[in-house]
Amino acid sequence: MKFHLKLLICNAMLLPLVAMAAPGWIISTSSESVHGGEMLKLEIVQPDKSTPWPGSFRLKIISDKATETVNCYPDKDVSENSVRRVYIADLPRQNHGLLKIELADMPSNRLLINVAGPVDPSVSTMASPVEPSQRLEPMPENEAALSISEPIYFVIGLRKGLNARFQFSFKYRIFDPESAPVQWLPALGKLHFGYTQTTLWDLHSNSKPFYDTSYRPTLFWQSKLDERATNPAYIRSGYEHESNGKEGTSSRSIDIFYVQPVLRKDFTDDDSLFFAPRFYGYLDRKDNPDIARYRGYVDWIVRYGDERSWVLLSRIRAGTAGYAGAAFDLSVPLRKPLFSRTGGFLYFQLFSGYGESLLDYNIKSPPQLRIGFSIVR
């Protein structure tokens, strides 16, 4: 009891001092002791009224054994104009003892919480928290070393011709955050290798051949930035090779260097808008020297929706000679999401214009609507 009283007094004394010393978020809790696996309720104070509220926060939990992160989400009763809001998080059941808690991605004070062993579920009377809001995170920090990159889907068209299309994609963080290279040069911790493969499949021909496949290995650096006003929320930059793996007159390949800032806008109904133009320059295009006339130097990418509902993704390319191509992907969940962008989705895809495949970069395709299934959107 004396320990708990001292801990509570310590937190109460430190809170105003931290507020004066550090221009960051302030976190506090009314309880100095909780059980592992229980819901932790935090009051979070905004640094200033111009700083936007994110859809969720990530808490860093530091114990004498490990450091881990959990998400915390706004309580169901949220005052939009308040500088203070209540957030809730589920503590991992294995956590116990004295823990240090702070925000993982934003400057904040640090709390000391005493966590007892898990409560016996047979005698627990706590109600389960409401299902939290989930905001789209196209480039989340501290994700697994092997993770998702672009959508993974299989769709079939409603008209004859190249009526099927499928894609898979992944990225791999090359260095572990605790590795020696990252300790020497922290920027290496954000270096990734990515790979995306997209295939057009002609199901109407007798042998059902794969018409064309684009192979896109890439080496890139990505980082989450400080979101304020209209500043980019994320940025990605790197080198990419794209080829269709064919020989002779059917051979197509390009090498590019690109920069992709991502601007984000969250709305009160849990919808999020991402504007992510991808600017690039050609390092090599000898197989198709006029490709910029049809593809240009930028992909205009917009993503809008709610992680628990429908999401619309569009990509538009406009060449220097006025030729253009546009793709629109609409996904609707068929199951609860496994995590952001991943689950099971009914997938609709519409393409029209030039350059649906690298082989046909200078050929105009008629509008093609396809329907199928996606596990990553």
Protein backbone atom coordinates (compact mmCIF):
# COMPACT_ATOMS: atom_id res chain seq x y z
CA MET A 1 0.00 0.00 0.00
CA LYS A 2 2.85 2.42 0.86
CA PHE A 3 4.54 1.59 -2.46
CA HIS A 4 1.33 2.30 -4.41
CA LEU A 5 0.82 5.59 -2.55
CA LYS A 6 4.39 6.70 -3.28
CA LEU A 7 4.00 5.72 -6.94
CA LEU A 8 0.80 7.74 -7.28
CA ILE A 9 2.33 10.79 -5.59
CA CYS A 10 5.43 10.52 -7.81
CA ASN A 11 3.35 10.45 -11.00
CA ALA A 12 1.22 13.37 -9.80
CA MET A 13 4.31 15.47 -9.04
CA LEU A 14 6.08 14.65 -12.30
CA LEU A 15 3.14 15.39 -14.59
CA PRO A 16 3.16 19.22 -14.32
CA LEU A 17 6.97 19.30 -14.43
CA VAL A 18 7.03 17.30 -17.66
CA ALA A 19 4.31 19.53 -19.11
CA MET A 20 6.52 22.59 -18.56
CA ALA A 21 9.79 20.96 -19.68
CA ALA A 22 8.80 19.07 -22.82
CA PRO A 23 6.46 20.41 -25.56
CA GLY A 24 4.88 17.01 -26.17
CA TRP A 25 1.83 14.91 -25.37
CA ILE A 26 0.95 14.38 -21.71
CA ILE A 27 -0.30 10.97 -20.55
CA SER A 28 -1.71 10.14 -17.12
CA THR A 29 -3.81 7.49 -15.41
CA SER A 30 -5.97 7.54 -12.30
CA SER A 31 -4.84 4.07 -11.24
CA GLU A 32 -1.26 3.27 -10.28
CA SER A 33 -1.84 -0.49 -10.35
CA VAL A 34 -3.53 -2.79 -12.88
CA HIS A 35 -3.54 -6.48 -13.76
CA GLY A 36 -1.91 -7.94 -16.86
CA GLY A 37 -4.50 -8.51 -19.59
CA GLU A 38 -6.78 -5.81 -18.22
CA MET A 39 -7.87 -2.64 -19.94
CA LEU A 40 -5.66 0.37 -19.18
CA LYS A 41 -7.41 3.74 -19.32
CA LEU A 42 -5.24 6.77 -20.08
CA GLU A 43 -6.00 10.46 -20.22
CA ILE A 44 -3.98 12.11 -23.00
CA VAL A 45 -3.48 15.86 -23.25
CA GLN A 46 -2.83 17.59 -26.59
CA PRO A 47 0.42 19.62 -26.86
CA ASP A 48 -1.51 22.50 -28.45
CA LYS A 49 -4.76 22.98 -30.33
CA SER A 50 -3.01 23.04 -33.72
CA THR A 51 -1.67 19.50 -33.26
CA PRO A 52 -4.11 16.99 -34.86
CA TRP A 53 -5.42 14.03 -32.87
CA PRO A 54 -4.40 10.72 -34.47
CA GLY A 55 -6.92 7.91 -34.75
CA SER A 56 -4.85 5.86 -32.32
CA PHE A 57 -1.62 5.99 -30.32
CA ARG A 58 1.05 3.34 -29.87
CA LEU A 59 2.29 2.88 -26.33
CA LYS A 60 5.84 1.77 -25.62
CA ILE A 61 5.92 -0.56 -22.61
CA ILE A 62 9.35 -1.00 -21.03
CA SER A 63 10.06 -3.69 -18.45
CA ASP A 64 13.27 -5.15 -17.10
CA LYS A 65 12.95 -8.00 -19.61
CA ALA A 66 11.77 -6.44 -22.87
CA THR A 67 10.32 -3.44 -24.68
CA GLU A 68 7.10 -3.85 -26.64
CA THR A 69 4.31 -1.72 -28.10
CA VAL A 70 0.52 -1.87 -27.94
CA ASN A 71 -2.15 0.26 -29.58
CA CYS A 72 -4.52 2.45 -27.62
CA TYR A 73 -7.77 3.79 -29.04
CA PRO A 74 -10.16 6.60 -28.10
CA ASP A 75 -12.94 5.80 -25.65
CA LYS A 76 -16.40 5.74 -27.20
CA ASP A 77 -17.35 9.08 -25.64
CA VAL A 78 -14.97 11.58 -27.24
CA SER A 79 -15.34 15.36 -27.21
CA GLU A 80 -14.02 16.60 -30.53
CA ASN A 81 -13.04 20.06 -29.22
CA SER A 82 -11.37 18.96 -25.99
CA VAL A 83 -7.61 19.13 -25.47
CA ARG A 84 -7.96 16.06 -23.21
CA ARG A 85 -9.22 12.70 -24.37
CA VAL A 86 -9.49 9.27 -22.80
CA TYR A 87 -7.84 6.35 -24.58
CA ILE A 88 -7.92 2.65 -23.73
CA ALA A 89 -5.44 -0.16 -24.32
CA ASP A 90 -5.22 -3.84 -23.45
CA LEU A 91 -2.09 -4.74 -21.50
CA PRO A 92 -0.45 -8.02 -22.55
CA ARG A 93 -1.21 -10.76 -20.02
CA GLN A 94 2.46 -11.66 -19.60
CA ASN A 95 3.37 -8.18 -18.34
CA HIS A 96 3.80 -7.80 -14.58
CA GLY A 97 5.92 -5.80 -12.18
CA LEU A 98 6.96 -2.17 -12.50
CA LEU A 99 6.56 -0.91 -16.07
CA LYS A 100 7.50 2.32 -17.78
CA ILE A 101 4.93 3.55 -20.31
CA GLU A 102 5.27 6.33 -22.88
CA LEU A 103 4.08 7.13 -26.42
CA ALA A 104 6.09 5.24 -29.02
CA ASP A 105 5.93 7.65 -31.97
CA MET A 106 5.50 11.07 -30.36
CA PRO A 107 7.26 12.98 -27.58
CA SER A 108 5.57 12.44 -24.21
CA ASN A 109 6.20 12.05 -20.52
CA ARG A 110 6.78 8.59 -19.02
CA LEU A 111 4.50 6.84 -16.51
CA LEU A 112 5.40 4.22 -13.90
CA ILE A 113 2.71 1.55 -13.53
CA ASN A 114 2.71 -1.46 -11.24
CA VAL A 115 1.18 -4.46 -13.05
CA ALA A 116 0.05 -7.46 -11.03
CA GLY A 117 -0.50 -10.96 -12.42
CA PRO A 118 -3.43 -11.65 -14.76
CA VAL A 119 -6.92 -11.78 -13.28
CA ASP A 120 -8.60 -15.19 -13.23
CA PRO A 121 -11.09 -14.94 -16.13
CA SER A 122 -13.61 -17.04 -14.19
CA VAL A 123 -13.98 -14.31 -11.57
CA SER A 124 -13.37 -11.22 -13.69
CA THR A 125 -16.26 -8.78 -13.85
CA MET A 126 -14.78 -6.28 -16.28
CA ALA A 127 -16.69 -5.70 -19.48
CA SER A 128 -14.84 -6.05 -22.76
CA PRO A 129 -13.97 -2.73 -24.34
CA VAL A 130 -15.86 -1.62 -27.41
CA GLU A 131 -14.31 -2.47 -30.76
CA PRO A 132 -11.69 0.25 -31.31
CA SER A 133 -11.42 2.54 -34.29
CA GLN A 134 -8.71 1.56 -36.72
CA ARG A 135 -7.05 4.08 -38.97
CA LEU A 136 -5.30 3.17 -42.17
CA GLU A 137 -1.52 2.90 -41.77
CA PRO A 138 0.04 2.35 -45.22
CA MET A 139 3.61 2.59 -43.87
CA PRO A 140 3.39 1.70 -40.17
CA GLU A 141 6.47 2.00 -37.98
CA ASN A 142 7.93 -1.00 -36.13
CA GLU A 143 6.07 -3.58 -38.22
CA ALA A 144 7.40 -7.09 -38.71
CA ALA A 145 10.59 -7.50 -40.73
CA LEU A 146 8.60 -9.31 -43.47
CA SER A 147 5.41 -7.36 -44.18
CA ILE A 148 2.88 -6.27 -46.77
CA SER A 149 3.65 -3.76 -49.49
CA GLU A 150 1.10 -3.40 -52.31
CA PRO A 151 -2.31 -5.14 -52.66
CA ILE A 152 -2.46 -8.91 -53.11
CA TYR A 153 -5.45 -10.00 -55.19
CA PHE A 154 -6.92 -12.21 -57.93
CA VAL A 155 -9.62 -10.73 -60.19
CA ILE A 156 -11.47 -11.91 -63.32
CA GLY A 157 -12.88 -9.58 -65.99
CA LEU A 158 -16.44 -9.36 -67.26
CA ARG A 159 -15.44 -9.16 -70.92
CA LYS A 160 -13.32 -11.30 -73.24
CA GLY A 161 -9.62 -10.75 -73.79
CA LEU A 162 -7.10 -10.29 -71.02
CA ASN A 163 -9.77 -10.90 -68.45
CA ALA A 164 -7.80 -12.10 -65.40
CA ARG A 165 -5.19 -10.29 -63.36
CA PHE A 166 -3.39 -11.18 -60.16
CA GLN A 167 -0.68 -9.63 -58.01
CA PHE A 168 1.39 -10.45 -54.96
CA SER A 169 3.76 -8.17 -53.12
CA PHE A 170 5.90 -7.98 -50.00
CA LYS A 171 8.67 -5.97 -48.40
CA TYR A 172 11.50 -6.92 -46.06
CA ARG A 173 13.30 -4.67 -43.60
CA ILE A 174 16.96 -5.51 -44.15
CA PHE A 175 18.42 -4.59 -40.76
CA ASP A 176 17.07 -5.32 -37.30
CA PRO A 177 16.75 -2.20 -35.11
CA GLU A 178 19.11 -3.76 -32.57
CA SER A 179 21.77 -4.75 -35.12
CA ALA A 180 25.26 -3.26 -35.15
CA PRO A 181 24.83 -1.43 -38.52
CA VAL A 182 21.73 0.36 -37.22
CA GLN A 183 23.46 1.29 -33.99
CA TRP A 184 26.25 2.80 -36.09
CA LEU A 185 23.92 4.48 -38.62
CA PRO A 186 20.24 4.62 -37.46
CA ALA A 187 18.93 5.42 -40.95
CA LEU A 188 19.79 1.85 -42.02
CA GLY A 189 16.96 0.62 -39.79
CA LYS A 190 14.49 2.01 -42.34
CA LEU A 191 16.04 0.40 -45.42
CA HIS A 192 13.80 -2.15 -47.16
CA PHE A 193 13.81 -4.57 -50.06
CA GLY A 194 10.47 -4.89 -51.83
CA TYR A 195 9.09 -7.10 -54.57
CA THR A 196 5.83 -6.91 -56.54
CA GLN A 197 4.73 -9.16 -59.37
CA THR A 198 1.66 -8.47 -61.54
CA THR A 199 0.34 -10.83 -64.23
CA LEU A 200 -2.29 -10.50 -66.97
CA TRP A 201 -3.86 -13.89 -67.72
CA ASP A 202 -5.77 -14.70 -70.91
CA LEU A 203 -8.34 -17.27 -69.78
CA HIS A 204 -10.22 -17.23 -73.09
CA SER A 205 -7.44 -18.70 -75.23
CA ASN A 206 -7.19 -22.47 -75.57
CA SER A 207 -3.93 -22.83 -73.65
CA LYS A 208 -4.87 -20.04 -71.19
CA PRO A 209 -1.43 -18.37 -71.38
CA PHE A 210 -0.03 -15.68 -69.12
CA TYR A 211 -0.03 -12.71 -71.49
CA ASP A 212 2.48 -10.50 -69.67
CA THR A 213 4.07 -10.27 -66.24
CA SER A 214 5.79 -7.31 -64.62
CA TYR A 215 8.54 -8.05 -62.09
CA ARG A 216 9.39 -5.12 -59.80
CA PRO A 217 12.21 -5.51 -57.27
CA THR A 218 12.98 -2.33 -55.35
CA LEU A 219 15.39 -1.06 -52.71
CA PHE A 220 13.95 1.83 -50.73
CA TRP A 221 14.05 3.82 -47.51
CA GLN A 222 10.83 4.77 -45.73
CA SER A 223 10.03 6.70 -42.59
CA LYS A 224 7.11 8.08 -40.66
CA LEU A 225 7.38 11.83 -40.23
CA ASP A 226 6.05 14.34 -37.73
CA GLU A 227 2.48 15.01 -38.83
CA ARG A 228 1.67 18.70 -38.48
CA ALA A 229 -0.68 20.74 -40.63
CA THR A 230 -0.07 19.74 -44.27
CA ASN A 231 3.36 18.17 -43.82
CA PRO A 232 3.78 14.64 -45.23
CA ALA A 233 2.93 11.87 -42.76
CA TYR A 234 5.33 9.41 -44.40
CA ILE A 235 7.99 9.39 -47.09
CA ARG A 236 9.47 6.63 -49.23
CA SER A 237 12.36 6.92 -51.66
CA GLY A 238 14.45 4.43 -53.58
CA TYR A 239 15.46 2.59 -56.74
CA GLU A 240 13.19 0.24 -58.70
CA HIS A 241 13.72 -2.05 -61.68
CA GLU A 242 10.69 -3.15 -63.71
CA SER A 243 10.89 -5.80 -66.42
CA ASN A 244 8.61 -8.27 -68.16
CA GLY A 245 11.34 -10.89 -68.47
CA LYS A 246 10.96 -11.33 -72.25
CA GLU A 247 13.48 -11.20 -75.08
CA GLY A 248 13.67 -9.57 -78.49
CA THR A 249 10.95 -7.17 -79.61
CA SER A 250 8.74 -8.11 -76.63
CA SER A 251 11.38 -7.12 -74.11
CA ARG A 252 10.40 -4.22 -71.84
CA SER A 253 12.33 -2.79 -68.89
CA ILE A 254 12.93 0.44 -67.02
CA ASP A 255 15.02 1.55 -64.07
CA ILE A 256 13.81 4.49 -62.01
CA PHE A 257 14.66 6.51 -58.92
CA TYR A 258 11.56 7.71 -57.08
CA VAL A 259 10.41 9.85 -54.16
CA GLN A 260 6.96 9.34 -52.65
CA PRO A 261 5.64 11.67 -49.95
CA VAL A 262 2.35 10.67 -48.30
CA LEU A 263 -0.09 13.29 -47.02
CA ARG A 264 -2.81 12.16 -44.65
CA LYS A 265 -6.15 13.57 -43.52
CA ASP A 266 -8.29 11.84 -40.87
CA PHE A 267 -12.01 12.51 -40.56
CA THR A 268 -14.28 12.20 -37.53
CA ASP A 269 -16.24 9.28 -39.05
CA ASP A 270 -13.05 7.12 -39.05
CA ASP A 271 -12.43 7.66 -42.77
CA SER A 272 -8.88 8.53 -43.81
CA LEU A 273 -7.60 10.12 -47.00
CA PHE A 274 -4.07 9.52 -48.29
CA PHE A 275 -2.56 11.44 -51.18
CA ALA A 276 0.69 9.75 -52.24
CA PRO A 277 2.11 11.04 -55.54
CA ARG A 278 5.09 8.99 -56.71
CA PHE A 279 7.62 11.17 -58.55
CA TYR A 280 10.31 9.39 -60.56
CA GLY A 281 13.05 9.82 -63.11
CA TYR A 282 14.23 7.19 -65.60
CA LEU A 283 17.73 5.83 -65.14
CA ASP A 284 17.45 3.33 -68.02
CA ARG A 285 14.70 2.87 -70.65
CA LYS A 286 16.55 1.65 -73.73
CA ASP A 287 13.98 -1.15 -74.36
CA ASN A 288 11.21 1.47 -74.54
CA PRO A 289 12.78 4.94 -74.98
CA ASP A 290 9.44 6.72 -75.51
CA ILE A 291 7.73 5.35 -72.39
CA ALA A 292 7.53 8.79 -70.74
CA ARG A 293 5.13 9.87 -73.53
CA TYR A 294 2.64 7.32 -72.16
CA ARG A 295 3.54 6.98 -68.48
CA GLY A 296 5.00 10.38 -67.64
CA TYR A 297 7.03 11.10 -64.53
CA VAL A 298 4.52 10.75 -61.70
CA ASP A 299 1.87 8.31 -60.48
CA TRP A 300 -1.05 10.14 -58.85
CA ILE A 301 -2.15 7.81 -56.07
CA VAL A 302 -5.14 8.44 -53.78
CA ARG A 303 -6.47 6.11 -51.10
CA TYR A 304 -9.67 6.80 -49.16
CA GLY A 305 -11.82 4.79 -46.79
CA ASP A 306 -12.27 3.13 -43.42
CA GLU A 307 -10.24 0.08 -42.40
CA ARG A 308 -13.41 -1.64 -41.13
CA SER A 309 -15.41 -0.83 -44.26
CA TRP A 310 -14.84 -0.05 -47.93
CA VAL A 311 -11.59 1.43 -49.28
CA LEU A 312 -11.05 3.05 -52.68
CA LEU A 313 -7.58 3.14 -54.24
CA SER A 314 -6.85 5.01 -57.48
CA ARG A 315 -3.71 5.35 -59.59
CA ILE A 316 -3.56 7.73 -62.57
CA ARG A 317 -0.67 8.17 -65.00
CA ALA A 318 -0.52 10.94 -67.61
CA GLY A 319 2.22 10.86 -70.26
CA THR A 320 4.01 13.87 -71.69
CA ALA A 321 2.25 13.37 -75.04
CA GLY A 322 -1.24 13.41 -73.46
CA TYR A 323 -1.74 9.65 -73.23
CA ALA A 324 -3.10 8.44 -69.88
CA GLY A 325 -4.16 5.35 -67.98
CA ALA A 326 -6.22 5.00 -64.81
CA ALA A 327 -6.93 2.15 -62.38
CA PHE A 328 -9.53 2.16 -59.61
CA ASP A 329 -9.69 -0.56 -56.94
CA LEU A 330 -12.62 -0.85 -54.53
CA SER A 331 -12.47 -3.37 -51.68
CA VAL A 332 -15.16 -4.43 -49.21
CA PRO A 333 -14.32 -6.66 -46.20
CA LEU A 334 -15.72 -10.19 -46.04
CA ARG A 335 -14.25 -10.87 -42.58
CA LYS A 336 -12.82 -8.96 -39.65
CA PRO A 337 -9.39 -7.49 -40.47
CA LEU A 338 -6.37 -9.45 -39.27
CA PHE A 339 -4.51 -6.13 -39.05
CA SER A 340 -4.37 -2.95 -41.12
CA ARG A 341 -4.99 -3.64 -44.84
CA THR A 342 -5.00 -7.42 -44.34
CA GLY A 343 -7.92 -9.84 -44.11
CA GLY A 344 -10.39 -11.02 -46.77
CA PHE A 345 -12.02 -8.61 -49.21
CA LEU A 346 -14.38 -8.60 -52.16
CA TYR A 347 -12.29 -6.77 -54.75
CA PHE A 348 -13.45 -4.69 -57.73
CA GLN A 349 -10.94 -3.32 -60.25
CA LEU A 350 -11.54 -1.01 -63.19
CA PHE A 351 -8.82 -0.10 -65.71
CA SER A 352 -8.97 2.09 -68.78
CA GLY A 353 -6.37 3.75 -70.99
CA TYR A 354 -2.73 3.11 -71.82
CA GLY A 355 -0.20 0.88 -70.13
CA GLU A 356 -2.10 -1.80 -68.23
CA SER A 357 0.96 -3.99 -68.71
CA LEU A 358 4.56 -3.05 -69.40
CA LEU A 359 4.39 -4.89 -72.74
CA ASP A 360 1.45 -2.68 -73.82
CA TYR A 361 2.72 0.62 -72.41
CA ASN A 362 1.89 2.33 -75.73
CA ILE A 363 -1.37 0.49 -76.46
CA LYS A 364 -4.79 1.70 -75.31
CA SER A 365 -6.94 -0.89 -73.54
CA PRO A 366 -10.73 -0.70 -73.54
CA PRO A 367 -12.37 -0.30 -70.12
CA GLN A 368 -12.19 -3.58 -68.21
CA LEU A 369 -14.06 -4.28 -64.98
CA ARG A 370 -12.81 -7.22 -62.92
CA ILE A 371 -14.14 -8.80 -59.73
CA GLY A 372 -12.33 -11.12 -57.35
CA PHE A 373 -10.80 -11.59 -53.93
CA SER A 374 -8.00 -9.85 -52.05
CA ILE A 375 -6.11 -10.66 -48.85
CA VAL A 376 -4.20 -7.35 -48.80
CA ARG A 377 -5.70 -4.12 -50.09
